[in-house]
């Protein structure tokens, strides 16, 4: 069980790190979306959006891997 716990711990940590990264990316996009209209930098704002979407994709992949690990551990589904 120790090895399984260690792997689930690793998957959970990777998922949490991905969520944290996604939150940071969303906040960066929010900061650019919240400026006064005259100083809006559309290119930087759009780039921040793309970075947030990439982070979302990494988060979803990490979540799926963690869920698969949990299913394998809890329900013996491989």
N, C-alpha and C. Protein backbone atom coordinates (compact mmCIF):
# COMPACT_ATOMS: atom_id res chain seq x y z
N UNK A 1 0.80 -1.20 0.00
CA UNK A 1 0.00 0.00 0.00
C UNK A 1 0.84 1.26 0.00
N UNK A 2 2.03 1.21 0.53
CA UNK A 2 2.88 2.38 0.58
C UNK A 2 3.19 2.93 -0.79
N UNK A 3 3.50 2.05 -1.74
CA UNK A 3 3.79 2.50 -3.09
C UNK A 3 2.57 3.12 -3.74
N UNK A 4 1.39 2.52 -3.51
CA UNK A 4 0.16 3.07 -4.07
C UNK A 4 -0.14 4.44 -3.47
N UNK A 5 0.05 4.56 -2.16
CA UNK A 5 -0.16 5.85 -1.52
C UNK A 5 0.81 6.90 -2.05
N UNK A 6 2.05 6.50 -2.24
CA UNK A 6 3.06 7.43 -2.76
C UNK A 6 2.68 7.90 -4.16
N UNK A 7 2.17 7.00 -4.98
CA UNK A 7 1.77 7.37 -6.34
C UNK A 7 0.54 8.29 -6.29
N UNK A 8 -0.43 7.97 -5.44
CA UNK A 8 -1.60 8.85 -5.31
C UNK A 8 -1.20 10.21 -4.76
N UNK A 9 -0.26 10.23 -3.82
CA UNK A 9 0.25 11.51 -3.30
C UNK A 9 0.88 12.32 -4.41
N UNK A 10 1.65 11.67 -5.27
CA UNK A 10 2.30 12.35 -6.39
C UNK A 10 1.25 12.90 -7.36
N UNK A 11 0.26 12.07 -7.69
CA UNK A 11 -0.79 12.51 -8.61
C UNK A 11 -1.60 13.66 -8.02
N UNK A 12 -1.90 13.59 -6.73
CA UNK A 12 -2.64 14.65 -6.06
C UNK A 12 -1.83 15.94 -6.04
N UNK A 13 -0.54 15.83 -5.76
CA UNK A 13 0.32 17.02 -5.75
C UNK A 13 0.41 17.65 -7.13
N UNK A 14 0.51 16.82 -8.15
CA UNK A 14 0.56 17.33 -9.53
C UNK A 14 -0.75 18.04 -9.89
N UNK A 15 -1.86 17.47 -9.46
CA UNK A 15 -3.16 18.08 -9.71
C UNK A 15 -3.26 19.42 -8.99
N UNK A 16 -2.88 19.47 -7.72
CA UNK A 16 -2.93 20.72 -6.95
C UNK A 16 -2.03 21.78 -7.57
N UNK A 17 -0.84 21.38 -7.99
CA UNK A 17 0.07 22.34 -8.63
C UNK A 17 -0.54 22.88 -9.93
N UNK A 18 -1.20 22.01 -10.69
CA UNK A 18 -1.85 22.45 -11.93
C UNK A 18 -2.98 23.42 -11.63
N UNK A 19 -3.78 23.13 -10.59
CA UNK A 19 -4.87 24.04 -10.21
C UNK A 19 -4.29 25.39 -9.79
N UNK A 20 -3.24 25.37 -8.98
CA UNK A 20 -2.61 26.62 -8.55
C UNK A 20 -2.10 27.43 -9.74
N UNK A 21 -1.51 26.75 -10.70
CA UNK A 21 -1.01 27.41 -11.91
C UNK A 21 -2.17 28.01 -12.71
N UNK A 22 -3.26 27.28 -12.80
CA UNK A 22 -4.43 27.76 -13.52
C UNK A 22 -5.00 29.01 -12.83
N UNK A 23 -5.09 28.97 -11.51
CA UNK A 23 -5.59 30.13 -10.77
C UNK A 23 -4.71 31.35 -11.02
N UNK A 24 -3.41 31.16 -11.00
CA UNK A 24 -2.48 32.26 -11.27
C UNK A 24 -2.71 32.83 -12.67
N UNK A 25 -2.90 31.94 -13.65
CA UNK A 25 -3.14 32.39 -15.02
C UNK A 25 -4.46 33.14 -15.13
N UNK A 26 -5.48 32.67 -14.44
CA UNK A 26 -6.78 33.35 -14.47
C UNK A 26 -6.66 34.73 -13.84
N UNK A 27 -5.93 34.82 -12.75
CA UNK A 27 -5.75 36.13 -12.09
C UNK A 27 -4.98 37.10 -12.98
N UNK A 28 -4.02 36.58 -13.73
CA UNK A 28 -3.27 37.45 -14.66
C UNK A 28 -4.20 37.97 -15.75
N UNK A 29 -5.07 37.09 -16.26
CA UNK A 29 -6.04 37.52 -17.27
C UNK A 29 -7.01 38.54 -16.66
N UNK A 30 -7.46 38.26 -15.45
CA UNK A 30 -8.38 39.17 -14.78
C UNK A 30 -7.77 40.56 -14.60
N UNK A 31 -6.51 40.60 -14.23
CA UNK A 31 -5.83 41.89 -14.04
C UNK A 31 -5.82 42.69 -15.33
N UNK A 32 -5.59 42.02 -16.45
CA UNK A 32 -5.58 42.72 -17.73
C UNK A 32 -6.98 43.12 -18.17
N UNK A 33 -7.98 42.34 -17.76
CA UNK A 33 -9.36 42.63 -18.14
C UNK A 33 -9.96 43.73 -17.27
N UNK A 34 -9.30 44.05 -16.18
CA UNK A 34 -9.87 44.99 -15.21
C UNK A 34 -9.33 46.41 -15.33
N UNK A 35 -8.45 46.67 -16.27
CA UNK A 35 -7.89 48.02 -16.41
C UNK A 35 -8.89 48.93 -17.11
N UNK A 36 -8.62 50.21 -17.02
CA UNK A 36 -9.47 51.18 -17.71
C UNK A 36 -9.39 50.94 -19.21
N UNK A 37 -10.47 51.17 -19.89
CA UNK A 37 -10.57 50.87 -21.32
C UNK A 37 -9.47 51.53 -22.15
N UNK A 38 -9.05 52.70 -21.76
CA UNK A 38 -8.05 53.42 -22.54
C UNK A 38 -6.67 52.80 -22.45
N UNK A 39 -6.42 52.04 -21.40
CA UNK A 39 -5.09 51.45 -21.25
C UNK A 39 -5.09 49.94 -21.50
N UNK A 40 -6.22 49.41 -21.95
CA UNK A 40 -6.33 47.98 -22.21
C UNK A 40 -5.32 47.56 -23.29
N UNK A 41 -4.62 46.52 -23.00
CA UNK A 41 -3.67 45.94 -23.96
C UNK A 41 -4.27 44.64 -24.47
N UNK A 42 -4.95 44.75 -25.60
CA UNK A 42 -5.73 43.63 -26.11
C UNK A 42 -4.85 42.43 -26.40
N UNK A 43 -3.69 42.64 -27.00
CA UNK A 43 -2.82 41.51 -27.32
C UNK A 43 -2.36 40.78 -26.05
N UNK A 44 -1.97 41.54 -25.04
CA UNK A 44 -1.53 40.92 -23.78
C UNK A 44 -2.71 40.21 -23.12
N UNK A 45 -3.89 40.79 -23.19
CA UNK A 45 -5.08 40.20 -22.60
C UNK A 45 -5.42 38.89 -23.30
N UNK A 46 -5.40 38.89 -24.62
CA UNK A 46 -5.67 37.66 -25.37
C UNK A 46 -4.63 36.60 -25.07
N UNK A 47 -3.36 36.99 -24.98
CA UNK A 47 -2.31 36.03 -24.65
C UNK A 47 -2.54 35.45 -23.26
N UNK A 48 -2.94 36.28 -22.32
CA UNK A 48 -3.23 35.80 -20.96
C UNK A 48 -4.38 34.79 -20.99
N UNK A 49 -5.35 35.04 -21.85
CA UNK A 49 -6.46 34.10 -21.99
C UNK A 49 -5.97 32.75 -22.53
N UNK A 50 -5.13 32.79 -23.54
CA UNK A 50 -4.58 31.54 -24.10
C UNK A 50 -3.76 30.79 -23.06
N UNK A 51 -2.99 31.52 -22.25
CA UNK A 51 -2.21 30.88 -21.20
C UNK A 51 -3.12 30.25 -20.15
N UNK A 52 -4.21 30.93 -19.82
CA UNK A 52 -5.17 30.37 -18.87
C UNK A 52 -5.82 29.10 -19.43
N UNK A 53 -6.11 29.11 -20.72
CA UNK A 53 -6.70 27.92 -21.35
C UNK A 53 -5.71 26.75 -21.37
N UNK A 54 -4.45 27.05 -21.63
CA UNK A 54 -3.43 25.99 -21.59
C UNK A 54 -3.31 25.42 -20.17
N UNK A 55 -3.35 26.29 -19.19
CA UNK A 55 -3.28 25.84 -17.80
C UNK A 55 -4.51 25.01 -17.45
N UNK A 56 -5.67 25.40 -17.97
CA UNK A 56 -6.89 24.61 -17.74
C UNK A 56 -6.73 23.21 -18.32
N UNK A 57 -6.17 23.12 -19.50
CA UNK A 57 -5.95 21.81 -20.11
C UNK A 57 -5.02 20.93 -19.29
N UNK A 58 -3.94 21.54 -18.77
CA UNK A 58 -3.02 20.78 -17.91
C UNK A 58 -3.72 20.35 -16.62
N UNK A 59 -4.57 21.21 -16.10
CA UNK A 59 -5.31 20.87 -14.88
C UNK A 59 -6.27 19.72 -15.13
N UNK A 60 -6.98 19.76 -16.24
CA UNK A 60 -7.90 18.67 -16.56
C UNK A 60 -7.17 17.35 -16.74
N UNK A 61 -6.00 17.38 -17.37
CA UNK A 61 -5.22 16.15 -17.56
C UNK A 61 -4.72 15.61 -16.21
N UNK A 62 -4.27 16.51 -15.34
CA UNK A 62 -3.79 16.09 -14.02
C UNK A 62 -4.95 15.54 -13.19
N UNK A 63 -6.11 16.16 -13.30
CA UNK A 63 -7.29 15.68 -12.57
C UNK A 63 -7.67 14.29 -13.06
N UNK A 64 -7.67 14.08 -14.36
CA UNK A 64 -8.02 12.77 -14.91
C UNK A 64 -7.04 11.70 -14.44
N UNK A 65 -5.76 12.03 -14.40
CA UNK A 65 -4.76 11.06 -13.95
C UNK A 65 -4.97 10.73 -12.48
N UNK A 66 -5.25 11.73 -11.67
CA UNK A 66 -5.50 11.50 -10.25
C UNK A 66 -6.77 10.67 -10.06
N UNK A 67 -7.83 11.00 -10.79
CA UNK A 67 -9.07 10.23 -10.70
C UNK A 67 -8.85 8.78 -11.11
N UNK A 68 -8.08 8.57 -12.17
CA UNK A 68 -7.77 7.20 -12.60
C UNK A 68 -7.03 6.45 -11.50
N UNK A 69 -6.09 7.11 -10.85
CA UNK A 69 -5.36 6.49 -9.76
C UNK A 69 -6.27 6.14 -8.59
N UNK A 70 -7.19 7.04 -8.28
CA UNK A 70 -8.14 6.76 -7.21
C UNK A 70 -9.06 5.59 -7.55
N UNK A 71 -9.57 5.59 -8.78
CA UNK A 71 -10.43 4.48 -9.20
C UNK A 71 -9.69 3.15 -9.13
N UNK A 72 -8.45 3.17 -9.57
CA UNK A 72 -7.65 1.96 -9.53
C UNK A 72 -7.47 1.48 -8.09
N UNK A 73 -7.18 2.41 -7.21
CA UNK A 73 -6.94 2.07 -5.80
C UNK A 73 -8.21 1.66 -5.08
N UNK A 74 -9.28 2.45 -5.26
CA UNK A 74 -10.50 2.23 -4.50
C UNK A 74 -11.39 1.13 -5.06
N UNK A 75 -11.39 0.99 -6.39
CA UNK A 75 -12.32 0.06 -7.01
C UNK A 75 -11.62 -1.02 -7.83
N UNK A 76 -10.29 -1.03 -7.78
CA UNK A 76 -9.48 -1.99 -8.53
C UNK A 76 -9.81 -1.96 -10.03
N UNK A 77 -10.06 -0.75 -10.53
CA UNK A 77 -10.33 -0.54 -11.96
C UNK A 77 -9.05 -0.05 -12.60
N UNK A 78 -8.62 -0.75 -13.64
CA UNK A 78 -7.37 -0.37 -14.31
C UNK A 78 -7.62 0.09 -15.71
